[in-house]
N, C-alpha and C. Protein backbone atom coordinates (compact mmCIF):
# COMPACT_ATOMS: atom_id res chain seq x y z
N MET A 1 -8.77 -13.02 -14.82
CA MET A 1 -9.39 -12.20 -15.83
C MET A 1 -9.95 -10.93 -15.19
N ALA A 2 -11.22 -10.94 -14.79
CA ALA A 2 -11.79 -9.75 -14.18
C ALA A 2 -11.23 -9.54 -12.77
N ARG A 3 -10.78 -10.62 -12.14
CA ARG A 3 -10.27 -10.51 -10.78
C ARG A 3 -9.00 -9.66 -10.73
N THR A 4 -8.10 -9.84 -11.66
CA THR A 4 -6.87 -9.08 -11.63
C THR A 4 -7.09 -7.64 -12.07
N ASP A 5 -8.11 -7.38 -12.88
CA ASP A 5 -8.37 -6.02 -13.33
C ASP A 5 -9.05 -5.19 -12.26
N LEU A 6 -10.00 -5.78 -11.55
CA LEU A 6 -10.76 -5.01 -10.57
C LEU A 6 -10.01 -4.88 -9.25
N ARG A 7 -9.33 -5.91 -8.83
CA ARG A 7 -8.60 -5.89 -7.55
C ARG A 7 -7.13 -6.24 -7.77
N PRO A 8 -6.34 -5.28 -8.21
CA PRO A 8 -4.92 -5.60 -8.45
C PRO A 8 -4.14 -5.69 -7.15
N VAL A 9 -3.02 -6.42 -7.18
CA VAL A 9 -2.11 -6.50 -6.06
C VAL A 9 -1.24 -5.25 -6.09
N ILE A 10 -1.14 -4.56 -4.95
CA ILE A 10 -0.34 -3.35 -4.88
C ILE A 10 0.67 -3.46 -3.74
N LYS A 11 1.75 -2.68 -3.84
CA LYS A 11 2.75 -2.60 -2.78
C LYS A 11 2.58 -1.28 -2.07
N LEU A 12 2.63 -1.33 -0.74
CA LEU A 12 2.60 -0.13 0.07
C LEU A 12 4.00 0.06 0.65
N ARG A 13 4.67 1.16 0.30
CA ARG A 13 6.03 1.43 0.77
C ARG A 13 6.01 2.49 1.85
N SER A 14 6.85 2.31 2.87
CA SER A 14 6.92 3.22 4.00
C SER A 14 7.45 4.59 3.59
N THR A 15 6.86 5.64 4.16
CA THR A 15 7.34 7.00 3.90
C THR A 15 8.48 7.38 4.83
N ALA A 16 8.83 6.50 5.78
CA ALA A 16 9.92 6.78 6.71
C ALA A 16 11.28 6.53 6.07
N GLY A 17 11.30 6.00 4.86
CA GLY A 17 12.55 5.77 4.16
C GLY A 17 13.27 4.50 4.56
N THR A 18 12.57 3.57 5.19
CA THR A 18 13.21 2.33 5.63
C THR A 18 13.17 1.26 4.55
N GLY A 19 12.32 1.41 3.57
CA GLY A 19 12.21 0.41 2.53
C GLY A 19 11.27 -0.73 2.86
N HIS A 20 10.61 -0.67 4.01
CA HIS A 20 9.67 -1.73 4.41
C HIS A 20 8.40 -1.62 3.56
N THR A 21 7.89 -2.77 3.11
CA THR A 21 6.69 -2.77 2.28
C THR A 21 5.66 -3.75 2.82
N TYR A 22 4.41 -3.45 2.53
CA TYR A 22 3.28 -4.35 2.74
C TYR A 22 2.69 -4.64 1.36
N VAL A 23 2.10 -5.81 1.19
CA VAL A 23 1.44 -6.18 -0.06
C VAL A 23 -0.03 -6.41 0.24
N THR A 24 -0.90 -5.80 -0.57
CA THR A 24 -2.34 -5.94 -0.36
C THR A 24 -3.05 -5.81 -1.69
N ARG A 25 -4.36 -5.89 -1.66
CA ARG A 25 -5.18 -5.69 -2.85
C ARG A 25 -6.06 -4.47 -2.64
N LYS A 26 -6.46 -3.83 -3.74
CA LYS A 26 -7.39 -2.71 -3.62
C LYS A 26 -8.43 -2.78 -4.71
N ASN A 27 -9.56 -2.17 -4.45
CA ASN A 27 -10.64 -2.11 -5.42
C ASN A 27 -10.48 -0.83 -6.22
N ARG A 28 -10.25 -0.95 -7.51
CA ARG A 28 -10.02 0.22 -8.35
C ARG A 28 -11.26 1.10 -8.50
N ARG A 29 -12.43 0.50 -8.41
CA ARG A 29 -13.66 1.30 -8.53
C ARG A 29 -13.84 2.23 -7.34
N ASN A 30 -13.55 1.73 -6.13
CA ASN A 30 -13.73 2.54 -4.93
C ASN A 30 -12.55 3.47 -4.68
N ASP A 31 -11.35 3.06 -5.05
CA ASP A 31 -10.13 3.83 -4.79
C ASP A 31 -9.32 3.99 -6.06
N PRO A 32 -9.72 4.87 -6.97
CA PRO A 32 -8.97 5.01 -8.22
C PRO A 32 -7.62 5.71 -8.03
N ASP A 33 -7.48 6.53 -6.96
CA ASP A 33 -6.22 7.22 -6.71
C ASP A 33 -5.26 6.32 -5.94
N ARG A 34 -4.07 6.82 -5.72
CA ARG A 34 -3.09 6.05 -4.95
C ARG A 34 -3.53 5.94 -3.51
N LEU A 35 -3.36 4.76 -2.95
CA LEU A 35 -3.81 4.46 -1.60
C LEU A 35 -2.76 4.91 -0.58
N VAL A 36 -3.20 5.51 0.53
CA VAL A 36 -2.32 5.91 1.63
C VAL A 36 -2.93 5.36 2.91
N LEU A 37 -2.18 4.50 3.60
CA LEU A 37 -2.64 3.90 4.85
C LEU A 37 -1.60 4.14 5.94
N ARG A 38 -2.06 4.27 7.16
CA ARG A 38 -1.16 4.42 8.30
C ARG A 38 -1.00 3.04 8.93
N LYS A 39 0.23 2.50 8.83
CA LYS A 39 0.50 1.15 9.32
C LYS A 39 1.80 1.15 10.13
N TYR A 40 2.07 0.02 10.77
CA TYR A 40 3.23 -0.12 11.63
C TYR A 40 4.48 -0.43 10.81
N ASP A 41 5.55 0.31 11.05
CA ASP A 41 6.85 0.05 10.42
C ASP A 41 7.77 -0.54 11.48
N PRO A 42 8.11 -1.83 11.38
CA PRO A 42 8.93 -2.46 12.43
C PRO A 42 10.36 -1.96 12.47
N VAL A 43 10.85 -1.34 11.41
CA VAL A 43 12.23 -0.86 11.40
C VAL A 43 12.37 0.36 12.31
N VAL A 44 11.44 1.31 12.21
CA VAL A 44 11.48 2.50 13.07
C VAL A 44 10.63 2.32 14.33
N ARG A 45 9.90 1.20 14.41
CA ARG A 45 9.08 0.81 15.55
C ARG A 45 8.02 1.85 15.90
N ARG A 46 7.31 2.33 14.89
CA ARG A 46 6.18 3.22 15.11
C ARG A 46 5.28 3.20 13.88
N HIS A 47 4.11 3.80 13.99
CA HIS A 47 3.17 3.87 12.88
C HIS A 47 3.53 5.05 11.99
N VAL A 48 3.59 4.79 10.69
CA VAL A 48 3.88 5.83 9.70
C VAL A 48 2.94 5.63 8.52
N GLU A 49 2.93 6.59 7.60
CA GLU A 49 2.11 6.46 6.40
C GLU A 49 2.81 5.56 5.39
N PHE A 50 2.02 4.70 4.78
CA PHE A 50 2.49 3.85 3.71
C PHE A 50 1.74 4.25 2.45
N ARG A 51 2.47 4.53 1.36
CA ARG A 51 1.86 4.97 0.12
C ARG A 51 1.98 3.88 -0.94
N GLU A 52 0.99 3.84 -1.79
CA GLU A 52 0.99 2.86 -2.89
C GLU A 52 2.05 3.26 -3.91
N GLU A 53 2.81 2.28 -4.33
CA GLU A 53 3.79 2.53 -5.38
C GLU A 53 3.40 1.74 -6.62
N ARG A 54 3.70 2.30 -7.77
CA ARG A 54 3.34 1.63 -9.02
C ARG A 54 4.56 1.27 -9.81
């Protein structure tokens, strides 16, 4: 109920174009915009930006 509304499950897709994704949750109150995190992409073997996709 309130759990899925406040903290939805989101997918983070790599900006390197490899198609690698991470799955996480975010707090909509603290981060209403799309989330961008710098994480490791094992396909290109380096850290790249991962953007939230909807």
